Amino acid sequence: MDSENCIKLSFLGDVTCDRPLLNASKNKSGKYDFLPVFSEVKSIFRNSDYVIANFENVCAGSRNGYKNEYLLYNCPDQFVKDMKSSGIDFVTTANNHCLDQGIEGLKRTIRVLDSNSVEHTGTYFDQKSRDACKIVLINDIKIAILSYTYGTNESNTGVILNQDTDYYVGLLREQKDAAKDSKKISKKLARYLNASQRRKISRLVNRAKLRLGISYFKPYTDKIQDQDTANRYLDQIEKDIIKAKSLSDVVVACLHIGGQFNEEPGDYSKFIVDFFVKKGVDIIVGNHPHVIQKAYNIDSAVVAYSLGGFNLSISADYIVHEPLPEYSLILNVYIDEASKRYQKVTFSILKIVEDDSHMCIVYPVDKLVNELSDQEILKLNDDITKIYNRVTGKNLSKILIQNEYELECENC
C-alpha cells in the first residue's frame, strides 16, 4: 500500500529510569548522560513525522539525590533533555508512577517537560487544563491525544485523589487505598499504618525475599472490580472523546492498563479498550504490562494492548524475565493526508541491551543482528518469532528479521 502521501505516527512503550540505569548514567563529575539509551533508535525516530511515548517518570528535583524508595521513581531533568534530543516529540503522563513524588513532583514534571519543549497530556496543573483537549497539527491533520491511567499507586504513595483533586490525573476509575479494602490479615494490619510505614515494611519484606532467591513480582491478570464498568470517570471520558472528535481529524487514546508481565490482556483491559473503540476513538495504545501484548487493525480502529517497556533496566529486581521484557514495539500508523484516515499499520521490534555497567541501549532488531554471533542470531530469531506471533495471533515457525512488519487489517 502506498504510504508516500501519508504522515507517519510512531508510538513507543514505557520510557523509564530504573535505578541501574540511573547509576550507570552518572559520570565521575556527577553529571548524567542518557544519550546512549536512544543512540541506536534516533534514525528510526527521524523517519517518523511524530513520535509519542509514555513517560513513566517523575522529575521532582535532586533534593533526595534521586535515591528513591522502593519502586518510587524520580529522575534527573537531563533525562527529558536527552529524550527530546533523540526525537521524541510528545509524551503521555497519566500512569501509575505520576504521583510517586506527590502533587509537587507531578507539577514539577510538567514544568520540566514544558521547559524542554516536550508536548504532553495526562497530568495537569488545574481543572481548566484537564478539560482542555490536546491537539497537535501535523501537515494539516489535527490529531487529538487523550491519556488515562487505571491508578496512581495510591497505596504505595499515600496520595489518594478525590473528587476535589482528581483533575491532576486522567483517571479511568475511583482511587482508593487498597490496603483498607483487602480482607487479608496483612492488609487489615496495614490499615493502622501510614503510607510511609507501609513502604518501609514492604521494602524490608522484598529485600528478605531477594536474599532468599524468591521472586516477589509475578505476572498477573487485571480483573474487573466493582464500579469499573460504570463510574463518573468513564462518563467524563465519553465527554472528552466527543469533544476531541469535534475538534480533530484523528483521535488517539493512550491507556495505562493491564497486568504486569502478562502476555495476555485481562478482562479489565479488554473492557476498557472495547469502551474506547465503541466511542469512536481511532487509535488506542496501551502500556503498563512491561511486555508486549497483542495488537490488531480493524476498519474502525487500531488497537495495541501493550507496546512493552521501551528501556527497562533488565537487571532491575522487579523484572520477570520469562515473557521477554527486553523487547518492545514501535507502532507505526500511516495516515493519508487527503482522506485523513489511517491507511497502513506496521510495527518495529526493539530490544534492550544492558552492558556490564547497566547502561541500557535500545536497538532495532534489524540493526542489532549485525553485531551478533551466529548462535546469538539464532536466539534472536527465535525470540522475534515469538514476539511476532504474540502481536499478530499467528503461529509461524520462523519469520525474517526486518525493520517493519505490517499489521494486516482484520475486516477491511
Protein backbone atom coordinates (compact mmCIF):
# COMPACT_ATOMS: atom_id res chain seq x y z
CA MET A 1 0.00 0.00 0.00
CA ASP A 2 1.38 3.41 -0.96
CA SER A 3 2.46 5.50 2.05
CA GLU A 4 4.01 8.39 0.12
CA ASN A 5 1.15 10.78 0.81
CA CYS A 6 0.77 9.78 4.43
CA ILE A 7 2.05 11.12 7.71
CA LYS A 8 3.69 8.56 9.96
CA LEU A 9 2.81 8.49 13.66
CA SER A 10 5.08 6.31 15.82
CA PHE A 11 4.17 5.15 19.33
CA LEU A 12 6.66 3.85 21.91
CA GLY A 13 6.25 1.89 25.12
CA ASP A 14 7.11 2.90 28.68
CA VAL A 15 10.09 5.25 28.90
CA THR A 16 11.55 4.72 32.38
CA CYS A 17 14.61 5.38 34.51
CA ASP A 18 15.23 2.45 36.84
CA ARG A 19 17.99 2.56 39.47
CA PRO A 20 20.52 0.54 37.44
CA LEU A 21 20.23 2.97 34.52
CA LEU A 22 20.29 5.97 36.85
CA ASN A 23 23.56 4.81 38.38
CA ALA A 24 25.11 3.87 35.02
CA SER A 25 24.29 7.28 33.54
CA LYS A 26 26.16 9.27 36.19
CA ASN A 27 29.75 10.19 35.29
CA LYS A 28 32.68 10.96 37.59
CA SER A 29 31.83 14.66 37.69
CA GLY A 30 28.33 13.87 38.95
CA LYS A 31 26.54 14.76 35.72
CA TYR A 32 24.05 12.50 33.93
CA ASP A 33 24.13 11.37 30.32
CA PHE A 34 21.20 9.36 28.94
CA LEU A 35 22.00 9.83 25.25
CA PRO A 36 23.33 6.24 24.84
CA VAL A 37 19.84 4.91 25.62
CA PHE A 38 18.45 6.47 22.44
CA SER A 39 21.56 6.39 20.24
CA GLU A 40 20.55 3.39 18.08
CA VAL A 41 16.91 4.40 17.52
CA LYS A 42 17.34 8.07 16.64
CA SER A 43 17.40 7.24 12.92
CA ILE A 44 14.02 5.48 13.24
CA PHE A 45 12.55 8.48 15.02
CA ARG A 46 13.80 10.77 12.26
CA ASN A 47 11.84 8.70 9.73
CA SER A 48 8.58 9.46 11.53
CA ASP A 49 6.59 12.66 11.39
CA TYR A 50 5.70 12.47 15.09
CA VAL A 51 6.91 10.21 17.93
CA ILE A 52 4.75 9.63 21.02
CA ALA A 53 5.88 7.77 24.17
CA ASN A 54 4.59 7.05 27.67
CA PHE A 55 6.79 8.99 30.11
CA GLU A 56 6.73 6.78 33.19
CA ASN A 57 8.98 9.06 35.20
CA VAL A 58 8.85 11.92 37.64
CA CYS A 59 11.25 14.89 37.63
CA ALA A 60 10.87 16.11 41.20
CA GLY A 61 14.33 17.64 41.57
CA SER A 62 17.56 16.48 43.19
CA ARG A 63 16.77 17.19 46.84
CA ASN A 64 16.76 13.47 47.63
CA GLY A 65 19.75 12.80 45.36
CA TYR A 66 17.46 10.61 43.23
CA LYS A 67 17.76 7.89 45.89
CA ASN A 68 14.20 6.76 45.54
CA GLU A 69 12.33 4.48 47.85
CA TYR A 70 11.36 1.07 46.53
CA LEU A 71 9.54 1.49 43.20
CA LEU A 72 9.02 5.23 43.60
CA TYR A 73 10.55 6.97 40.60
CA ASN A 74 12.44 10.24 40.37
CA CYS A 75 14.86 11.01 37.55
CA PRO A 76 17.17 13.91 36.65
CA ASP A 77 15.90 16.65 34.35
CA GLN A 78 18.70 15.65 31.97
CA PHE A 79 16.68 12.58 31.05
CA VAL A 80 13.98 14.77 29.49
CA LYS A 81 16.56 16.85 27.64
CA ASP A 82 18.23 13.75 26.16
CA MET A 83 14.86 12.15 25.35
CA LYS A 84 13.81 15.27 23.46
CA SER A 85 17.09 15.49 21.54
CA SER A 86 16.65 11.88 20.42
CA GLY A 87 13.48 12.78 18.52
CA ILE A 88 10.61 12.03 20.92
CA ASP A 89 8.05 14.79 20.34
CA PHE A 90 5.20 14.01 22.73
CA VAL A 91 4.68 12.06 25.94
CA THR A 92 1.67 10.87 27.87
CA THR A 93 1.98 11.22 31.63
CA ALA A 94 -1.10 9.54 33.11
CA ASN A 95 0.39 6.37 34.62
CA ASN A 96 0.74 4.63 37.95
CA HIS A 97 4.02 6.43 38.76
CA CYS A 98 2.95 10.03 38.06
CA LEU A 99 2.38 10.74 41.78
CA ASP A 100 5.46 8.93 43.06
CA GLN A 101 6.81 12.22 44.44
CA GLY A 102 3.44 13.69 45.34
CA ILE A 103 1.48 16.55 43.83
CA GLU A 104 4.50 18.85 43.79
CA GLY A 105 6.51 16.21 41.92
CA LEU A 106 3.72 15.95 39.35
CA LYS A 107 3.67 19.72 38.86
CA ARG A 108 7.43 20.00 38.57
CA THR A 109 7.48 17.22 35.97
CA ILE A 110 5.04 19.24 33.85
CA ARG A 111 7.30 22.29 34.13
CA VAL A 112 10.37 20.28 33.11
CA LEU A 113 8.58 18.90 30.05
CA ASP A 114 7.43 22.39 29.11
CA SER A 115 10.91 23.88 29.52
CA ASN A 116 12.30 21.24 27.15
CA SER A 117 9.52 21.75 24.57
CA VAL A 118 8.12 18.25 25.01
CA GLU A 119 4.39 18.23 24.29
CA HIS A 120 2.35 16.20 26.79
CA THR A 121 -1.02 15.28 28.23
CA GLY A 122 -2.35 13.10 31.04
CA THR A 123 -1.40 15.14 34.12
CA TYR A 124 -2.42 18.73 34.75
CA PHE A 125 -1.99 21.83 36.91
CA ASP A 126 -5.69 22.60 37.25
CA GLN A 127 -9.23 21.79 36.14
CA LYS A 128 -9.02 24.12 33.15
CA SER A 129 -6.01 22.33 31.68
CA ARG A 130 -7.61 18.95 32.47
CA ASP A 131 -10.73 19.94 30.50
CA ALA A 132 -8.78 21.27 27.51
CA CYS A 133 -8.32 18.91 24.56
CA LYS A 134 -4.72 18.40 23.47
CA ILE A 135 -4.49 18.81 19.69
CA VAL A 136 -1.33 18.52 17.59
CA LEU A 137 -1.24 19.64 13.96
CA ILE A 138 0.82 17.58 11.52
CA ASN A 139 0.66 18.53 7.83
CA ASP A 140 -2.83 19.99 8.27
CA ILE A 141 -4.08 16.87 10.05
CA LYS A 142 -5.48 17.61 13.52
CA ILE A 143 -4.72 14.82 15.99
CA ALA A 144 -6.31 14.77 19.44
CA ILE A 145 -4.37 12.84 22.09
CA LEU A 146 -6.03 11.59 25.28
CA SER A 147 -4.26 9.91 28.21
CA TYR A 148 -5.71 7.94 31.13
CA THR A 149 -4.50 5.53 33.82
CA TYR A 150 -6.12 2.79 35.88
CA GLY A 151 -4.43 4.10 39.05
CA THR A 152 -1.57 6.00 40.65
CA ASN A 153 -0.07 3.50 43.15
CA GLU A 154 -2.10 5.22 45.83
CA SER A 155 -1.44 2.53 48.43
CA ASN A 156 2.28 2.93 47.86
CA THR A 157 2.48 6.72 47.75
CA GLY A 158 -0.22 7.60 50.27
CA VAL A 159 -1.61 10.15 47.77
CA ILE A 160 -5.26 9.41 47.10
CA LEU A 161 -7.10 11.68 44.69
CA ASN A 162 -10.74 12.50 45.38
CA GLN A 163 -13.49 14.48 43.66
CA ASP A 164 -11.81 17.76 44.60
CA THR A 165 -8.29 16.85 43.41
CA ASP A 166 -8.69 14.29 40.67
CA TYR A 167 -8.18 16.89 37.94
CA TYR A 168 -4.44 16.35 38.41
CA VAL A 169 -4.52 12.99 36.55
CA GLY A 170 -6.57 11.47 33.74
CA LEU A 171 -8.26 8.62 35.60
CA LEU A 172 -10.29 5.64 34.49
CA ARG A 173 -11.75 4.81 37.91
CA GLU A 174 -12.05 5.87 41.55
CA GLN A 175 -8.82 6.00 43.53
CA LYS A 176 -8.75 4.30 46.92
CA ASP A 177 -6.34 2.81 49.41
CA ALA A 178 -6.35 -0.89 48.53
CA ALA A 179 -4.97 -1.73 51.99
CA LYS A 180 -8.26 -0.61 53.54
CA ASP A 181 -10.37 -2.81 51.29
CA SER A 182 -8.50 -6.07 51.46
CA LYS A 183 -9.66 -8.94 53.69
CA LYS A 184 -6.17 -10.35 54.07
CA ILE A 185 -4.74 -10.18 57.58
CA SER A 186 -1.60 -8.41 56.41
CA LYS A 187 -3.72 -5.78 54.67
CA LYS A 188 -6.01 -5.42 57.69
CA LEU A 189 -2.95 -4.71 59.80
CA ALA A 190 -1.71 -2.24 57.18
CA ARG A 191 -4.78 -0.06 57.64
CA TYR A 192 -3.37 1.02 61.01
CA LEU A 193 -0.09 2.12 59.44
CA ASN A 194 0.53 5.24 57.43
CA ALA A 195 1.86 5.13 53.86
CA SER A 196 5.47 5.72 54.94
CA GLN A 197 5.37 2.85 57.45
CA ARG A 198 3.80 0.51 54.90
CA ARG A 199 6.52 1.34 52.35
CA LYS A 200 9.26 0.63 54.89
CA ILE A 201 7.76 -2.76 55.73
CA SER A 202 7.32 -3.53 52.03
CA ARG A 203 10.99 -2.79 51.36
CA LEU A 204 12.14 -5.00 54.25
CA VAL A 205 9.96 -7.91 53.07
CA ASN A 206 11.06 -7.59 49.46
CA ARG A 207 14.75 -7.40 50.37
CA ALA A 208 14.38 -10.51 52.52
CA LYS A 209 12.74 -12.32 49.61
CA LEU A 210 15.57 -11.30 47.30
CA ARG A 211 18.18 -12.70 49.70
CA LEU A 212 16.24 -15.97 49.72
CA GLY A 213 16.04 -16.01 45.94
CA ILE A 214 12.26 -15.61 45.97
CA SER A 215 10.67 -13.57 43.20
CA TYR A 216 8.20 -11.05 44.59
CA PHE A 217 6.88 -9.97 41.20
CA LYS A 218 4.74 -12.42 39.27
CA PRO A 219 2.62 -11.99 36.14
CA TYR A 220 -0.96 -11.10 36.97
CA THR A 221 -4.16 -10.52 35.02
CA ASP A 222 -6.13 -7.32 35.53
CA LYS A 223 -9.64 -8.18 36.60
CA ILE A 224 -12.80 -6.11 36.56
CA GLN A 225 -13.58 -4.67 40.00
CA ASP A 226 -16.67 -3.01 41.43
CA GLN A 227 -17.68 0.17 39.55
CA ASP A 228 -15.04 -0.37 36.85
CA THR A 229 -17.64 -0.55 34.11
CA ALA A 230 -19.85 2.35 35.22
CA ASN A 231 -18.44 5.35 37.04
CA ARG A 232 -18.20 9.13 36.78
CA TYR A 233 -14.73 8.92 35.23
CA LEU A 234 -15.99 6.94 32.26
CA ASP A 235 -18.85 9.42 31.93
CA GLN A 236 -16.32 12.25 31.77
CA ILE A 237 -14.12 10.34 29.31
CA GLU A 238 -17.11 9.92 26.99
CA LYS A 239 -17.47 13.72 27.02
CA ASP A 240 -13.71 14.06 26.38
CA ILE A 241 -13.99 11.82 23.33
CA ILE A 242 -17.00 13.69 21.92
CA LYS A 243 -15.10 16.96 22.30
CA ALA A 244 -11.93 15.51 20.76
CA LYS A 245 -13.83 14.17 17.75
CA SER A 246 -15.43 17.58 17.17
CA LEU A 247 -12.04 19.33 17.18
CA SER A 248 -9.82 16.87 15.28
CA ASP A 249 -9.48 14.53 12.34
CA VAL A 250 -7.95 11.64 14.31
CA VAL A 251 -8.44 10.74 17.98
CA VAL A 252 -5.73 8.85 19.87
CA ALA A 253 -6.18 7.36 23.35
CA CYS A 254 -3.11 6.25 25.30
CA LEU A 255 -4.16 3.99 28.17
CA HIS A 256 -2.16 2.82 31.17
CA ILE A 257 -3.81 -0.53 31.88
CA GLY A 258 -3.07 -4.23 32.13
CA GLY A 259 -1.50 -6.94 34.24
CA GLN A 260 2.25 -6.52 34.57
CA PHE A 261 4.41 -9.13 32.83
CA ASN A 262 1.34 -10.90 31.49
CA GLU A 263 1.42 -11.73 27.78
CA GLU A 264 -2.38 -11.72 27.53
CA PRO A 265 -4.75 -8.79 28.16
CA GLY A 266 -7.07 -9.29 31.14
CA ASP A 267 -10.80 -8.69 31.36
CA TYR A 268 -10.40 -5.10 32.54
CA SER A 269 -8.08 -4.22 29.66
CA LYS A 270 -10.48 -5.80 27.18
CA PHE A 271 -13.41 -3.85 28.64
CA ILE A 272 -11.58 -0.52 28.58
CA VAL A 273 -10.30 -0.97 25.02
CA ASP A 274 -13.77 -2.02 23.85
CA PHE A 275 -15.20 1.09 25.54
CA PHE A 276 -12.88 3.38 23.57
CA VAL A 277 -13.49 1.52 20.29
CA LYS A 278 -17.25 1.84 20.71
CA LYS A 279 -16.94 5.55 21.44
CA GLY A 280 -15.20 6.08 18.10
CA VAL A 281 -11.53 6.50 19.06
CA ASP A 282 -9.30 5.85 16.04
CA ILE A 283 -6.03 4.71 17.65
CA ILE A 284 -5.82 3.03 21.06
CA VAL A 285 -2.38 2.36 22.53
CA GLY A 286 -1.91 0.58 25.85
CA ASN A 287 1.04 0.43 28.20
CA HIS A 288 1.93 -0.74 31.73
CA PRO A 289 2.38 -4.55 31.44
CA HIS A 290 6.11 -4.01 30.57
CA VAL A 291 5.82 -6.79 27.99
CA ILE A 292 4.37 -6.88 24.50
CA GLN A 293 0.75 -7.92 24.08
CA LYS A 294 -1.44 -8.39 21.01
CA ALA A 295 -2.34 -5.70 18.51
CA TYR A 296 -4.89 -5.56 15.72
CA ASN A 297 -6.06 -3.33 12.92
CA ILE A 298 -9.76 -3.25 12.11
CA ASP A 299 -11.74 -0.96 9.85
CA SER A 300 -12.82 1.29 12.72
CA ALA A 301 -9.70 1.39 14.91
CA VAL A 302 -6.07 0.46 15.51
CA VAL A 303 -5.52 -1.27 18.86
CA ALA A 304 -2.30 -2.23 20.65
CA TYR A 305 -2.83 -3.53 24.18
CA SER A 306 0.78 -3.07 25.28
CA LEU A 307 3.92 -1.97 23.47
CA GLY A 308 6.18 -3.15 26.30
CA GLY A 309 8.92 -1.32 28.17
CA PHE A 310 10.99 0.85 25.84
CA ASN A 311 14.09 0.96 28.05
CA LEU A 312 13.54 -1.10 31.19
CA SER A 313 16.65 -1.98 33.16
CA ILE A 314 16.55 -5.73 32.64
CA SER A 315 18.73 -6.21 35.74
CA ALA A 316 16.22 -4.41 37.99
CA ASP A 317 15.00 -6.60 40.84
CA TYR A 318 11.30 -6.43 39.88
CA ILE A 319 11.69 -7.81 36.35
CA VAL A 320 10.00 -11.09 35.39
CA HIS A 321 12.14 -12.47 32.57
CA GLU A 322 10.10 -15.31 31.06
CA PRO A 323 7.75 -13.13 28.92
CA LEU A 324 10.71 -11.39 27.18
CA PRO A 325 10.52 -7.90 28.76
CA GLU A 326 13.71 -6.89 26.94
CA TYR A 327 11.63 -6.45 23.76
CA SER A 328 9.21 -3.65 22.89
CA LEU A 329 7.38 -2.32 19.84
CA ILE A 330 7.23 0.86 17.85
CA LEU A 331 3.70 1.03 16.48
CA ASN A 332 3.60 2.99 13.21
CA VAL A 333 0.29 4.36 11.92
CA TYR A 334 0.28 5.86 8.42
CA ILE A 335 -2.49 8.46 7.96
CA ASP A 336 -3.48 9.55 4.46
CA GLU A 337 -3.23 13.32 4.10
CA ALA A 338 -6.17 13.53 1.71
CA SER A 339 -8.75 11.33 3.44
CA LYS A 340 -7.24 11.86 6.93
CA ARG A 341 -7.79 8.21 7.70
CA TYR A 342 -5.16 5.65 8.50
CA GLN A 343 -4.06 3.61 5.50
CA LYS A 344 -1.45 1.24 6.89
CA VAL A 345 -0.24 -0.01 10.27
CA THR A 346 3.17 -1.52 10.92
CA PHE A 347 5.32 -2.35 13.91
CA SER A 348 9.05 -2.47 14.52
CA ILE A 349 10.62 -4.65 17.21
CA LEU A 350 13.19 -3.21 19.58
CA LYS A 351 15.49 -4.92 22.05
CA ILE A 352 17.11 -3.52 25.20
CA VAL A 353 20.78 -4.39 25.54
CA GLU A 354 22.22 -3.82 29.02
CA ASP A 355 26.01 -3.75 29.35
CA ASP A 356 28.17 -4.63 32.37
CA SER A 357 27.78 -1.12 33.79
CA HIS A 358 23.96 -1.43 33.48
CA MET A 359 23.72 1.17 30.74
CA CYS A 360 20.70 0.32 28.58
CA ILE A 361 20.87 0.80 24.82
CA VAL A 362 17.74 0.24 22.74
CA TYR A 363 18.34 -1.39 19.35
CA PRO A 364 16.07 -2.08 16.38
CA VAL A 365 16.42 -5.83 15.90
CA ASP A 366 17.42 -5.50 12.25
CA LYS A 367 20.33 -3.32 13.35
CA LEU A 368 21.28 -5.48 16.32
CA VAL A 369 21.60 -8.61 14.19
CA ASN A 370 24.74 -7.19 12.57
CA GLU A 371 26.54 -7.23 15.91
CA LEU A 372 25.75 -10.79 17.00
CA SER A 373 27.38 -14.17 16.64
CA ASP A 374 25.66 -16.94 14.67
CA GLN A 375 24.43 -18.54 17.89
CA GLU A 376 23.10 -15.24 19.19
CA ILE A 377 21.31 -14.62 15.89
CA LEU A 378 19.51 -17.95 16.25
CA LYS A 379 18.31 -16.97 19.72
CA LEU A 380 17.25 -13.52 18.49
CA ASN A 381 15.32 -15.03 15.60
CA ASP A 382 13.54 -17.40 17.95
CA ASP A 383 12.58 -14.52 20.24
CA ILE A 384 11.41 -12.34 17.35
CA THR A 385 9.21 -15.13 16.02
CA LYS A 386 7.59 -15.49 19.46
CA ILE A 387 7.01 -11.75 19.65
CA TYR A 388 5.60 -11.57 16.12
CA ASN A 389 3.17 -14.41 16.84
CA ARG A 390 2.14 -12.79 20.13
CA VAL A 391 1.36 -9.49 18.41
CA THR A 392 -0.45 -10.90 15.39
CA GLY A 393 -2.03 -14.05 16.81
CA LYS A 394 -0.35 -16.15 14.14
CA ASN A 395 1.63 -19.34 14.69
CA LEU A 396 4.56 -19.11 12.31
CA SER A 397 7.61 -21.29 12.86
CA LYS A 398 10.05 -18.58 11.78
CA ILE A 399 10.00 -15.05 10.44
CA LEU A 400 12.67 -12.92 8.84
CA ILE A 401 14.26 -10.18 10.92
CA GLN A 402 13.36 -6.86 9.32
CA ASN A 403 12.72 -3.20 10.09
CA GLU A 404 8.92 -3.11 9.92
CA TYR A 405 6.18 -5.73 9.88
CA GLU A 406 2.75 -4.89 8.51
CA LEU A 407 -0.24 -5.40 10.78
CA GLU A 408 -2.89 -6.72 8.44
CA CYS A 409 -6.41 -5.32 8.67
CA GLU A 410 -8.75 -7.98 10.03
CA ASN A 411 -12.04 -6.92 8.49
CA CYS A 412 -11.25 -4.25 5.91
